[in-house]
Amino acid sequence: MVIPPAQWRIRTDWNTVCARSSGRRHYHAARQQAARARRDQVFELLLRHGWDNFGVCAKIARELHVHRCTIVRDRQTLLREMD
């Protein structure tokens, strides 16, 4: 849903503000939980296929049906967490 700029000036009642905030918190929490679960899978696959083997990120991305860049970022996060 796209809100025209003119409607941003309209005052919103407190219940609507709270409901939107709650929805955002729920949405972000669900995304973070999915990312943590995916990183667990990535960790297991990296242990199986090797951390530095050529093409391992692309192989894992195909297996998990996500973009290669997502796996690269997950791998970087895992490496930072291990330090």
N, C-alpha and C. Protein backbone atom coordinates (compact mmCIF):
# COMPACT_ATOMS: atom_id res chain seq x y z
N MET A 1 0.84 -1.17 0.00
CA MET A 1 0.00 0.00 0.00
C MET A 1 0.90 1.24 0.00
N VAL A 2 0.69 2.11 -0.97
CA VAL A 2 1.46 3.34 -1.08
C VAL A 2 0.59 4.49 -0.59
N ILE A 3 1.14 5.27 0.32
CA ILE A 3 0.40 6.41 0.88
C ILE A 3 0.91 7.68 0.22
N PRO A 4 0.00 8.46 -0.37
CA PRO A 4 0.43 9.72 -0.99
C PRO A 4 1.03 10.66 0.06
N PRO A 5 2.00 11.49 -0.33
CA PRO A 5 2.67 12.38 0.62
C PRO A 5 1.71 13.29 1.38
N ALA A 6 0.62 13.71 0.76
CA ALA A 6 -0.32 14.60 1.43
C ALA A 6 -0.96 13.93 2.64
N GLN A 7 -1.11 12.62 2.61
CA GLN A 7 -1.75 11.92 3.72
C GLN A 7 -0.83 11.74 4.92
N TRP A 8 0.46 11.96 4.76
CA TRP A 8 1.37 11.86 5.89
C TRP A 8 1.11 12.95 6.91
N ARG A 9 0.51 14.04 6.48
CA ARG A 9 0.25 15.15 7.40
C ARG A 9 -1.00 14.92 8.25
N ILE A 10 -1.82 13.98 7.86
CA ILE A 10 -3.06 13.72 8.60
C ILE A 10 -2.72 13.06 9.93
N ARG A 11 -3.32 13.58 10.99
CA ARG A 11 -3.08 13.00 12.32
C ARG A 11 -3.64 11.59 12.40
N THR A 12 -2.92 10.73 13.12
CA THR A 12 -3.31 9.34 13.29
C THR A 12 -3.60 9.10 14.76
N ASP A 13 -4.69 8.36 15.03
CA ASP A 13 -5.03 8.11 16.44
C ASP A 13 -4.03 7.14 17.06
N TRP A 14 -3.93 7.19 18.37
CA TRP A 14 -2.92 6.44 19.11
C TRP A 14 -3.06 4.93 18.91
N ASN A 15 -4.27 4.41 18.84
CA ASN A 15 -4.47 2.97 18.66
C ASN A 15 -3.89 2.50 17.31
N THR A 16 -4.05 3.31 16.28
CA THR A 16 -3.50 2.96 14.97
C THR A 16 -1.97 3.00 15.01
N VAL A 17 -1.43 4.00 15.69
CA VAL A 17 0.02 4.11 15.83
C VAL A 17 0.57 2.87 16.54
N CYS A 18 -0.08 2.47 17.61
CA CYS A 18 0.37 1.29 18.37
C CYS A 18 0.23 0.01 17.55
N ALA A 19 -0.85 -0.11 16.80
CA ALA A 19 -1.06 -1.30 15.98
C ALA A 19 0.01 -1.40 14.89
N ARG A 20 0.34 -0.28 14.26
CA ARG A 20 1.38 -0.29 13.22
C ARG A 20 2.73 -0.65 13.82
N SER A 21 3.02 -0.09 14.98
CA SER A 21 4.28 -0.38 15.65
C SER A 21 4.37 -1.85 16.01
N SER A 22 3.31 -2.40 16.51
CA SER A 22 3.27 -3.81 16.86
C SER A 22 3.47 -4.68 15.63
N GLY A 23 2.84 -4.30 14.54
CA GLY A 23 3.00 -5.04 13.30
C GLY A 23 4.43 -5.01 12.79
N ARG A 24 5.08 -3.84 12.88
CA ARG A 24 6.48 -3.74 12.47
C ARG A 24 7.37 -4.61 13.34
N ARG A 25 7.14 -4.57 14.66
CA ARG A 25 7.95 -5.40 15.57
C ARG A 25 7.79 -6.89 15.24
N HIS A 26 6.56 -7.30 14.99
CA HIS A 26 6.29 -8.70 14.67
C HIS A 26 6.97 -9.08 13.35
N TYR A 27 6.85 -8.23 12.34
CA TYR A 27 7.45 -8.49 11.03
C TYR A 27 8.96 -8.61 11.13
N HIS A 28 9.59 -7.67 11.83
CA HIS A 28 11.04 -7.69 11.97
C HIS A 28 11.51 -8.89 12.80
N ALA A 29 10.77 -9.24 13.84
CA ALA A 29 11.14 -10.40 14.65
C ALA A 29 11.06 -11.68 13.83
N ALA A 30 10.04 -11.79 12.98
CA ALA A 30 9.91 -12.98 12.13
C ALA A 30 11.06 -13.05 11.13
N ARG A 31 11.45 -11.92 10.56
CA ARG A 31 12.57 -11.90 9.62
C ARG A 31 13.88 -12.28 10.31
N GLN A 32 14.09 -11.76 11.53
CA GLN A 32 15.31 -12.07 12.26
C GLN A 32 15.36 -13.56 12.64
N GLN A 33 14.22 -14.12 13.00
CA GLN A 33 14.16 -15.53 13.33
C GLN A 33 14.47 -16.39 12.10
N ALA A 34 13.93 -16.00 10.95
CA ALA A 34 14.20 -16.73 9.71
C ALA A 34 15.67 -16.64 9.35
N ALA A 35 16.27 -15.46 9.56
CA ALA A 35 17.69 -15.28 9.25
C ALA A 35 18.55 -16.15 10.17
N ARG A 36 18.20 -16.21 11.44
CA ARG A 36 18.96 -17.07 12.38
C ARG A 36 18.86 -18.54 11.97
N ALA A 37 17.67 -18.98 11.59
CA ALA A 37 17.49 -20.37 11.17
C ALA A 37 18.28 -20.64 9.89
N ARG A 38 18.27 -19.68 8.96
CA ARG A 38 19.03 -19.86 7.72
C ARG A 38 20.52 -19.91 8.02
N ARG A 39 21.00 -19.07 8.93
CA ARG A 39 22.43 -19.08 9.28
C ARG A 39 22.84 -20.40 9.91
N ASP A 40 21.95 -21.00 10.68
CA ASP A 40 22.24 -22.32 11.24
C ASP A 40 22.42 -23.34 10.11
N GLN A 41 21.55 -23.27 9.11
CA GLN A 41 21.68 -24.16 7.96
C GLN A 41 22.97 -23.88 7.20
N VAL A 42 23.26 -22.60 7.00
CA VAL A 42 24.47 -22.22 6.28
C VAL A 42 25.71 -22.74 7.02
N PHE A 43 25.71 -22.61 8.33
CA PHE A 43 26.84 -23.09 9.13
C PHE A 43 27.06 -24.59 8.91
N GLU A 44 25.97 -25.36 8.99
CA GLU A 44 26.07 -26.81 8.78
C GLU A 44 26.59 -27.13 7.38
N LEU A 45 26.08 -26.42 6.38
CA LEU A 45 26.52 -26.67 5.01
C LEU A 45 27.97 -26.24 4.79
N LEU A 46 28.38 -25.16 5.43
CA LEU A 46 29.78 -24.73 5.32
C LEU A 46 30.71 -25.76 5.95
N LEU A 47 30.29 -26.34 7.05
CA LEU A 47 31.10 -27.39 7.68
C LEU A 47 31.22 -28.60 6.74
N ARG A 48 30.13 -28.91 6.05
CA ARG A 48 30.12 -30.06 5.15
C ARG A 48 30.93 -29.81 3.87
N HIS A 49 30.74 -28.62 3.27
CA HIS A 49 31.35 -28.33 1.97
C HIS A 49 32.67 -27.58 2.06
N GLY A 50 32.99 -27.01 3.22
CA GLY A 50 34.23 -26.25 3.36
C GLY A 50 33.94 -24.75 3.31
N TRP A 51 34.71 -24.00 4.09
CA TRP A 51 34.49 -22.56 4.21
C TRP A 51 35.08 -21.78 3.05
N ASP A 52 36.20 -22.25 2.50
CA ASP A 52 36.93 -21.47 1.51
C ASP A 52 36.98 -22.13 0.13
N ASN A 53 36.22 -23.17 -0.07
CA ASN A 53 36.22 -23.81 -1.38
C ASN A 53 35.57 -22.91 -2.42
N PHE A 54 36.11 -22.92 -3.61
CA PHE A 54 35.59 -22.09 -4.69
C PHE A 54 34.15 -22.50 -5.02
N GLY A 55 33.26 -21.53 -5.07
CA GLY A 55 31.87 -21.77 -5.46
C GLY A 55 30.98 -22.30 -4.37
N VAL A 56 31.49 -22.39 -3.14
CA VAL A 56 30.69 -22.98 -2.07
C VAL A 56 29.47 -22.11 -1.75
N CYS A 57 29.62 -20.80 -1.79
CA CYS A 57 28.49 -19.92 -1.49
C CYS A 57 27.39 -20.06 -2.54
N ALA A 58 27.78 -20.17 -3.80
CA ALA A 58 26.79 -20.34 -4.87
C ALA A 58 26.09 -21.69 -4.73
N LYS A 59 26.84 -22.71 -4.37
CA LYS A 59 26.27 -24.04 -4.20
C LYS A 59 25.25 -24.06 -3.07
N ILE A 60 25.61 -23.43 -1.94
CA ILE A 60 24.69 -23.37 -0.79
C ILE A 60 23.47 -22.52 -1.14
N ALA A 61 23.68 -21.43 -1.87
CA ALA A 61 22.56 -20.57 -2.26
C ALA A 61 21.57 -21.33 -3.12
N ARG A 62 22.07 -22.13 -4.04
CA ARG A 62 21.16 -22.93 -4.87
C ARG A 62 20.40 -23.94 -4.03
N GLU A 63 21.09 -24.52 -3.06
CA GLU A 63 20.45 -25.52 -2.21
C GLU A 63 19.36 -24.91 -1.33
N LEU A 64 19.59 -23.68 -0.85
CA LEU A 64 18.63 -23.02 0.04
C LEU A 64 17.65 -22.10 -0.70
N HIS A 65 17.83 -21.98 -2.01
CA HIS A 65 16.95 -21.14 -2.84
C HIS A 65 16.97 -19.68 -2.42
N VAL A 66 18.18 -19.16 -2.20
CA VAL A 66 18.37 -17.74 -1.91
C VAL A 66 19.47 -17.22 -2.82
N HIS A 67 19.66 -15.91 -2.82
CA HIS A 67 20.70 -15.31 -3.64
C HIS A 67 22.07 -15.58 -3.02
N ARG A 68 23.08 -15.67 -3.88
CA ARG A 68 24.45 -15.94 -3.43
C ARG A 68 24.92 -14.88 -2.44
N CYS A 69 24.56 -13.63 -2.67
CA CYS A 69 24.99 -12.54 -1.77
C CYS A 69 24.47 -12.75 -0.35
N THR A 70 23.29 -13.35 -0.22
CA THR A 70 22.74 -13.63 1.10
C THR A 70 23.64 -14.61 1.85
N ILE A 71 24.12 -15.61 1.15
CA ILE A 71 25.00 -16.60 1.77
C ILE A 71 26.35 -15.98 2.12
N VAL A 72 26.85 -15.11 1.24
CA VAL A 72 28.12 -14.42 1.52
C VAL A 72 27.99 -13.59 2.79
N ARG A 73 26.88 -12.85 2.93
CA ARG A 73 26.67 -12.04 4.14
C ARG A 73 26.52 -12.93 5.37
N ASP A 74 25.79 -14.04 5.22
CA ASP A 74 25.63 -14.97 6.36
C ASP A 74 26.98 -15.54 6.78
N ARG A 75 27.81 -15.88 5.80
CA ARG A 75 29.14 -16.42 6.10
C ARG A 75 29.99 -15.39 6.83
N GLN A 76 29.92 -14.14 6.38
CA GLN A 76 30.67 -13.07 7.06
C GLN A 76 30.18 -12.90 8.48
N THR A 77 28.88 -12.95 8.69
CA THR A 77 28.32 -12.82 10.04
C THR A 77 28.77 -13.97 10.92
N LEU A 78 28.76 -15.18 10.38
CA LEU A 78 29.20 -16.33 11.15
C LEU A 78 30.67 -16.22 11.54
N LEU A 79 31.49 -15.75 10.61
CA LEU A 79 32.91 -15.57 10.91
C LEU A 79 33.13 -14.51 11.99
N ARG A 80 32.37 -13.41 11.94
CA ARG A 80 32.47 -12.38 12.99
C ARG A 80 32.03 -12.93 14.34
N GLU A 81 30.98 -13.75 14.35
CA GLU A 81 30.48 -14.30 15.61
C GLU A 81 31.48 -15.29 16.23
N MET A 82 32.30 -15.93 15.38
CA MET A 82 33.26 -16.90 15.90
C MET A 82 34.48 -16.24 16.50
N ASP A 83 34.73 -14.98 16.18
CA ASP A 83 35.90 -14.28 16.74
C ASP A 83 35.71 -13.94 18.19
